[in-house]
């Protein structure tokens, strides 16, 4: 069975994931918006929204993820 890394492969996302780890959720969310709209970016943004207790926005984003 293939093992997957827990960190997104896109190197441009790694600093954003680091911001999440530091609890800088608003900054991570804002910075992610400048990069390509990939599934990994959307997952990072989802985590950032949840970290800010923005459940409605996270739910909307999650709905978009399930449709794509």
PDB file of N, CA and C in Angstrom:
ATOM      1  N   UNK A   1       0.833  -1.170   0.000  1.00  0.00           N
ATOM      2  CA  UNK A   1       0.000   0.000   0.000  1.00  0.00           C
ATOM      3  C   UNK A   1       0.888   1.248   0.000  1.00  0.00           C
ATOM      4  N   UNK A   2       0.519   2.231  -0.796  1.00  0.00           N
ATOM      5  CA  UNK A   2       1.283   3.470  -0.916  1.00  0.00           C
ATOM      6  C   UNK A   2       1.031   4.376   0.286  1.00  0.00           C
ATOM      7  N   UNK A   3       2.103   4.954   0.809  1.00  0.00           N
ATOM      8  CA  UNK A   3       1.990   5.879   1.926  1.00  0.00           C
ATOM      9  C   UNK A   3       1.946   7.302   1.386  1.00  0.00           C
ATOM     10  N   UNK A   4       1.048   8.110   1.929  1.00  0.00           N
ATOM     11  CA  UNK A   4       0.933   9.500   1.494  1.00  0.00           C
ATOM     12  C   UNK A   4       1.436  10.420   2.586  1.00  0.00           C
ATOM     13  N   UNK A   5       2.078  11.476   2.186  1.00  0.00           N
ATOM     14  CA  UNK A   5       2.547  12.487   3.119  1.00  0.00           C
ATOM     15  C   UNK A   5       1.354  13.266   3.666  1.00  0.00           C
ATOM     16  N   UNK A   6       1.455  13.704   4.911  1.00  0.00           N
ATOM     17  CA  UNK A   6       0.390  14.513   5.495  1.00  0.00           C
ATOM     18  C   UNK A   6       0.477  15.970   5.060  1.00  0.00           C
ATOM     19  N   UNK A   7       1.594  16.381   4.474  1.00  0.00           N
ATOM     20  CA  UNK A   7       1.779  17.742   4.003  1.00  0.00           C
ATOM     21  C   UNK A   7       1.506  17.784   2.509  1.00  0.00           C
ATOM     22  N   UNK A   8       0.735  18.779   2.060  1.00  0.00           N
ATOM     23  CA  UNK A   8       0.469  18.876   0.613  1.00  0.00           C
ATOM     24  C   UNK A   8       1.762  18.913  -0.193  1.00  0.00           C
ATOM     25  N   UNK A   9       1.734  18.336  -1.378  1.00  0.00           N
ATOM     26  CA  UNK A   9       2.919  18.245  -2.229  1.00  0.00           C
ATOM     27  C   UNK A   9       3.295  19.567  -2.867  1.00  0.00           C
ATOM     28  N   UNK A  10       2.337  20.444  -3.072  1.00  0.00           N
ATOM     29  CA  UNK A  10       2.643  21.727  -3.684  1.00  0.00           C
ATOM     30  C   UNK A  10       3.540  22.509  -2.737  1.00  0.00           C
ATOM     31  N   UNK A  11       4.747  22.800  -3.189  1.00  0.00           N
ATOM     32  CA  UNK A  11       5.705  23.468  -2.302  1.00  0.00           C
ATOM     33  C   UNK A  11       5.219  24.852  -1.890  1.00  0.00           C
ATOM     34  N   UNK A  12       4.428  25.510  -2.715  1.00  0.00           N
ATOM     35  CA  UNK A  12       3.929  26.834  -2.358  1.00  0.00           C
ATOM     36  C   UNK A  12       2.922  26.777  -1.229  1.00  0.00           C
ATOM     37  N   UNK A  13       2.350  25.621  -0.957  1.00  0.00           N
ATOM     38  CA  UNK A  13       1.387  25.491   0.145  1.00  0.00           C
ATOM     39  C   UNK A  13       2.065  25.234   1.490  1.00  0.00           C
ATOM     40  N   UNK A  14       3.305  24.787   1.484  1.00  0.00           N
ATOM     41  CA  UNK A  14       3.964  24.422   2.734  1.00  0.00           C
ATOM     42  C   UNK A  14       4.057  25.567   3.737  1.00  0.00           C
ATOM     43  N   UNK A  15       4.397  26.802   3.320  1.00  0.00           N
ATOM     44  CA  UNK A  15       4.404  27.898   4.304  1.00  0.00           C
ATOM     45  C   UNK A  15       3.007  28.186   4.872  1.00  0.00           C
ATOM     46  N   UNK A  16       1.994  27.975   4.053  1.00  0.00           N
ATOM     47  CA  UNK A  16       0.626  28.203   4.509  1.00  0.00           C
ATOM     48  C   UNK A  16       0.239  27.145   5.540  1.00  0.00           C
ATOM     49  N   UNK A  17       0.619  25.911   5.302  1.00  0.00           N
ATOM     50  CA  UNK A  17       0.369  24.846   6.266  1.00  0.00           C
ATOM     51  C   UNK A  17       1.117  25.135   7.570  1.00  0.00           C
ATOM     52  N   UNK A  18       2.326  25.686   7.458  1.00  0.00           N
ATOM     53  CA  UNK A  18       3.086  26.061   8.653  1.00  0.00           C
ATOM     54  C   UNK A  18       2.339  27.130   9.455  1.00  0.00           C
ATOM     55  N   UNK A  19       1.724  28.089   8.758  1.00  0.00           N
ATOM     56  CA  UNK A  19       0.932  29.111   9.447  1.00  0.00           C
ATOM     57  C   UNK A  19      -0.224  28.477  10.217  1.00  0.00           C
ATOM     58  N   UNK A  20      -0.850  27.479   9.630  1.00  0.00           N
ATOM     59  CA  UNK A  20      -1.923  26.771  10.336  1.00  0.00           C
ATOM     60  C   UNK A  20      -1.390  26.141  11.616  1.00  0.00           C
ATOM     61  N   UNK A  21      -0.221  25.540  11.518  1.00  0.00           N
ATOM     62  CA  UNK A  21       0.387  24.902  12.678  1.00  0.00           C
ATOM     63  C   UNK A  21       0.717  25.896  13.784  1.00  0.00           C
ATOM     64  N   UNK A  22       0.949  27.150  13.400  1.00  0.00           N
ATOM     65  CA  UNK A  22       1.255  28.200  14.367  1.00  0.00           C
ATOM     66  C   UNK A  22      -0.001  28.899  14.887  1.00  0.00           C
ATOM     67  N   UNK A  23      -1.159  28.482  14.385  1.00  0.00           N
ATOM     68  CA  UNK A  23      -2.413  29.082  14.821  1.00  0.00           C
ATOM     69  C   UNK A  23      -2.740  30.392  14.129  1.00  0.00           C
ATOM     70  N   UNK A  24      -2.056  30.698  13.041  1.00  0.00           N
ATOM     71  CA  UNK A  24      -2.284  31.929  12.275  1.00  0.00           C
ATOM     72  C   UNK A  24      -3.322  31.652  11.182  1.00  0.00           C
ATOM     73  N   UNK A  25      -4.552  31.382  11.605  1.00  0.00           N
ATOM     74  CA  UNK A  25      -5.586  30.920  10.683  1.00  0.00           C
ATOM     75  C   UNK A  25      -6.028  31.970   9.677  1.00  0.00           C
ATOM     76  N   UNK A  26      -6.231  33.202  10.126  1.00  0.00           N
ATOM     77  CA  UNK A  26      -6.674  34.254   9.204  1.00  0.00           C
ATOM     78  C   UNK A  26      -5.612  34.541   8.154  1.00  0.00           C
ATOM     79  N   UNK A  27      -4.357  34.585   8.572  1.00  0.00           N
ATOM     80  CA  UNK A  27      -3.277  34.844   7.623  1.00  0.00           C
ATOM     81  C   UNK A  27      -3.142  33.700   6.622  1.00  0.00           C
ATOM     82  N   UNK A  28      -3.268  32.463   7.096  1.00  0.00           N
ATOM     83  CA  UNK A  28      -3.179  31.303   6.210  1.00  0.00           C
ATOM     84  C   UNK A  28      -4.300  31.330   5.175  1.00  0.00           C
ATOM     85  N   UNK A  29      -5.507  31.655   5.616  1.00  0.00           N
ATOM     86  CA  UNK A  29      -6.642  31.705   4.696  1.00  0.00           C
ATOM     87  C   UNK A  29      -6.423  32.776   3.626  1.00  0.00           C
ATOM     88  N   UNK A  30      -6.003  33.952   4.062  1.00  0.00           N
ATOM     89  CA  UNK A  30      -5.801  35.062   3.121  1.00  0.00           C
ATOM     90  C   UNK A  30      -4.686  34.752   2.130  1.00  0.00           C
ATOM     91  N   UNK A  31      -3.601  34.199   2.596  1.00  0.00           N
ATOM     92  CA  UNK A  31      -2.470  33.895   1.724  1.00  0.00           C
ATOM     93  C   UNK A  31      -2.811  32.804   0.716  1.00  0.00           C
ATOM     94  N   UNK A  32      -3.577  31.818   1.122  1.00  0.00           N
ATOM     95  CA  UNK A  32      -3.938  30.717   0.221  1.00  0.00           C
ATOM     96  C   UNK A  32      -4.707  31.204  -0.994  1.00  0.00           C
ATOM     97  N   UNK A  33      -5.464  32.277  -0.835  1.00  0.00           N
ATOM     98  CA  UNK A  33      -6.287  32.789  -1.941  1.00  0.00           C
ATOM     99  C   UNK A  33      -5.459  33.280  -3.123  1.00  0.00           C
ATOM    100  N   UNK A  34      -4.183  33.524  -2.916  1.00  0.00           N
ATOM    101  CA  UNK A  34      -3.316  34.011  -4.001  1.00  0.00           C
ATOM    102  C   UNK A  34      -2.774  32.893  -4.885  1.00  0.00           C
ATOM    103  N   UNK A  35      -3.035  31.659  -4.540  1.00  0.00           N
ATOM    104  CA  UNK A  35      -2.466  30.530  -5.260  1.00  0.00           C
ATOM    105  C   UNK A  35      -3.542  29.771  -6.027  1.00  0.00           C
ATOM    106  N   UNK A  36      -3.131  28.862  -6.922  1.00  0.00           N
ATOM    107  CA  UNK A  36      -4.101  28.127  -7.751  1.00  0.00           C
ATOM    108  C   UNK A  36      -5.160  27.416  -6.926  1.00  0.00           C
ATOM    109  N   UNK A  37      -6.354  27.398  -7.467  1.00  0.00           N
ATOM    110  CA  UNK A  37      -7.492  26.804  -6.785  1.00  0.00           C
ATOM    111  C   UNK A  37      -7.474  25.279  -6.930  1.00  0.00           C
ATOM    112  N   UNK A  38      -6.598  24.647  -6.158  1.00  0.00           N
ATOM    113  CA  UNK A  38      -6.508  23.190  -6.158  1.00  0.00           C
ATOM    114  C   UNK A  38      -7.277  22.636  -4.959  1.00  0.00           C
ATOM    115  N   UNK A  39      -7.481  21.352  -4.955  1.00  0.00           N
ATOM    116  CA  UNK A  39      -8.161  20.718  -3.826  1.00  0.00           C
ATOM    117  C   UNK A  39      -7.364  20.912  -2.536  1.00  0.00           C
ATOM    118  N   UNK A  40      -6.039  20.824  -2.616  1.00  0.00           N
ATOM    119  CA  UNK A  40      -5.221  21.030  -1.412  1.00  0.00           C
ATOM    120  C   UNK A  40      -5.377  22.452  -0.879  1.00  0.00           C
ATOM    121  N   UNK A  41      -5.433  23.427  -1.767  1.00  0.00           N
ATOM    122  CA  UNK A  41      -5.642  24.803  -1.306  1.00  0.00           C
ATOM    123  C   UNK A  41      -6.985  24.933  -0.614  1.00  0.00           C
ATOM    124  N   UNK A  42      -8.002  24.313  -1.174  1.00  0.00           N
ATOM    125  CA  UNK A  42      -9.324  24.375  -0.568  1.00  0.00           C
ATOM    126  C   UNK A  42      -9.338  23.697   0.801  1.00  0.00           C
ATOM    127  N   UNK A  43      -8.618  22.602   0.943  1.00  0.00           N
ATOM    128  CA  UNK A  43      -8.544  21.928   2.235  1.00  0.00           C
ATOM    129  C   UNK A  43      -7.825  22.785   3.273  1.00  0.00           C
ATOM    130  N   UNK A  44      -6.766  23.477   2.839  1.00  0.00           N
ATOM    131  CA  UNK A  44      -6.048  24.387   3.739  1.00  0.00           C
ATOM    132  C   UNK A  44      -6.981  25.521   4.157  1.00  0.00           C
ATOM    133  N   UNK A  45      -7.729  26.061   3.206  1.00  0.00           N
ATOM    134  CA  UNK A  45      -8.661  27.130   3.540  1.00  0.00           C
ATOM    135  C   UNK A  45      -9.763  26.632   4.476  1.00  0.00           C
ATOM    136  N   UNK A  46     -10.213  25.420   4.277  1.00  0.00           N
ATOM    137  CA  UNK A  46     -11.208  24.833   5.161  1.00  0.00           C
ATOM    138  C   UNK A  46     -10.673  24.739   6.590  1.00  0.00           C
ATOM    139  N   UNK A  47      -9.454  24.257   6.726  1.00  0.00           N
ATOM    140  CA  UNK A  47      -8.834  24.162   8.050  1.00  0.00           C
ATOM    141  C   UNK A  47      -8.695  25.543   8.687  1.00  0.00           C
ATOM    142  N   UNK A  48      -8.329  26.535   7.873  1.00  0.00           N
ATOM    143  CA  UNK A  48      -8.171  27.897   8.386  1.00  0.00           C
ATOM    144  C   UNK A  48      -9.510  28.464   8.859  1.00  0.00           C
ATOM    145  N   UNK A  49     -10.558  28.217   8.111  1.00  0.00           N
ATOM    146  CA  UNK A  49     -11.878  28.689   8.523  1.00  0.00           C
ATOM    147  C   UNK A  49     -12.334  28.016   9.811  1.00  0.00           C
ATOM    148  N   UNK A  50     -12.131  26.729   9.900  1.00  0.00           N
ATOM    149  CA  UNK A  50     -12.518  26.012  11.123  1.00  0.00           C
ATOM    150  C   UNK A  50     -11.708  26.501  12.316  1.00  0.00           C
ATOM    151  N   UNK A  51     -10.431  26.812  12.089  1.00  0.00           N
ATOM    152  CA  UNK A  51      -9.598  27.338  13.156  1.00  0.00           C
ATOM    153  C   UNK A  51     -10.083  28.686  13.667  1.00  0.00           C
ATOM    154  N   UNK A  52     -10.810  29.413  12.829  1.00  0.00           N
ATOM    155  CA  UNK A  52     -11.371  30.708  13.205  1.00  0.00           C
ATOM    156  C   UNK A  52     -12.824  30.579  13.670  1.00  0.00           C
ATOM    157  N   UNK A  53     -13.313  29.359  13.788  1.00  0.00           N
ATOM    158  CA  UNK A  53     -14.704  29.083  14.166  1.00  0.00           C
ATOM    159  C   UNK A  53     -15.706  29.699  13.193  1.00  0.00           C
ATOM    160  N   UNK A  54     -15.332  29.761  11.922  1.00  0.00           N
ATOM    161  CA  UNK A  54     -16.219  30.264  10.877  1.00  0.00           C
ATOM    162  C   UNK A  54     -16.893  29.060  10.218  1.00  0.00           C
ATOM    163  N   UNK A  55     -17.818  28.491  10.955  1.00  0.00           N
ATOM    164  CA  UNK A  55     -18.437  27.228  10.556  1.00  0.00           C
ATOM    165  C   UNK A  55     -19.290  27.382   9.298  1.00  0.00           C
ATOM    166  N   UNK A  56     -20.023  28.476   9.183  1.00  0.00           N
ATOM    167  CA  UNK A  56     -20.883  28.671   8.004  1.00  0.00           C
ATOM    168  C   UNK A  56     -20.049  28.752   6.733  1.00  0.00           C
ATOM    169  N   UNK A  57     -18.975  29.557   6.778  1.00  0.00           N
ATOM    170  CA  UNK A  57     -18.097  29.680   5.619  1.00  0.00           C
ATOM    171  C   UNK A  57     -17.424  28.349   5.293  1.00  0.00           C
ATOM    172  N   UNK A  58     -17.015  27.624   6.333  1.00  0.00           N
ATOM    173  CA  UNK A  58     -16.394  26.313   6.134  1.00  0.00           C
ATOM    174  C   UNK A  58     -17.381  25.340   5.502  1.00  0.00           C
ATOM    175  N   UNK A  59     -18.611  25.394   5.942  1.00  0.00           N
ATOM    176  CA  UNK A  59     -19.649  24.517   5.384  1.00  0.00           C
ATOM    177  C   UNK A  59     -19.879  24.828   3.910  1.00  0.00           C
ATOM    178  N   UNK A  60     -19.888  26.119   3.566  1.00  0.00           N
ATOM    179  CA  UNK A  60     -20.054  26.509   2.159  1.00  0.00           C
ATOM    180  C   UNK A  60     -18.895  25.988   1.315  1.00  0.00           C
ATOM    181  N   UNK A  61     -17.672  26.134   1.827  1.00  0.00           N
ATOM    182  CA  UNK A  61     -16.498  25.653   1.111  1.00  0.00           C
ATOM    183  C   UNK A  61     -16.529  24.133   0.986  1.00  0.00           C
ATOM    184  N   UNK A  62     -16.939  23.466   2.029  1.00  0.00           N
ATOM    185  CA  UNK A  62     -17.027  22.011   2.010  1.00  0.00           C
ATOM    186  C   UNK A  62     -18.049  21.552   0.972  1.00  0.00           C
ATOM    187  N   UNK A  63     -19.135  22.258   0.857  1.00  0.00           N
ATOM    188  CA  UNK A  63     -20.143  21.951  -0.161  1.00  0.00           C
ATOM    189  C   UNK A  63     -19.558  22.048  -1.560  1.00  0.00           C
ATOM    190  N   UNK A  64     -18.720  23.062  -1.772  1.00  0.00           N
ATOM    191  CA  UNK A  64     -18.041  23.207  -3.063  1.00  0.00           C
ATOM    192  C   UNK A  64     -17.061  22.090  -3.321  1.00  0.00           C
ATOM    193  N   UNK A  65     -16.390  21.621  -2.267  1.00  0.00           N
ATOM    194  CA  UNK A  65     -15.447  20.514  -2.421  1.00  0.00           C
ATOM    195  C   UNK A  65     -16.164  19.233  -2.819  1.00  0.00           C
ATOM    196  N   UNK A  66     -17.305  18.985  -2.232  1.00  0.00           N
ATOM    197  CA  UNK A  66     -18.005  17.736  -2.525  1.00  0.00           C
ATOM    198  C   UNK A  66     -18.596  17.726  -3.929  1.00  0.00           C
ATOM    199  N   UNK A  67     -18.841  18.921  -4.489  1.00  0.00           N
ATOM    200  CA  UNK A  67     -19.393  18.996  -5.852  1.00  0.00           C
ATOM    201  C   UNK A  67     -18.315  18.888  -6.922  1.00  0.00           C
ATOM    202  N   UNK A  68     -17.061  19.164  -6.558  1.00  0.00           N
ATOM    203  CA  UNK A  68     -16.007  19.157  -7.580  1.00  0.00           C
ATOM    204  C   UNK A  68     -15.345  17.804  -7.711  1.00  0.00           C
TER     205      UNK A  68
END
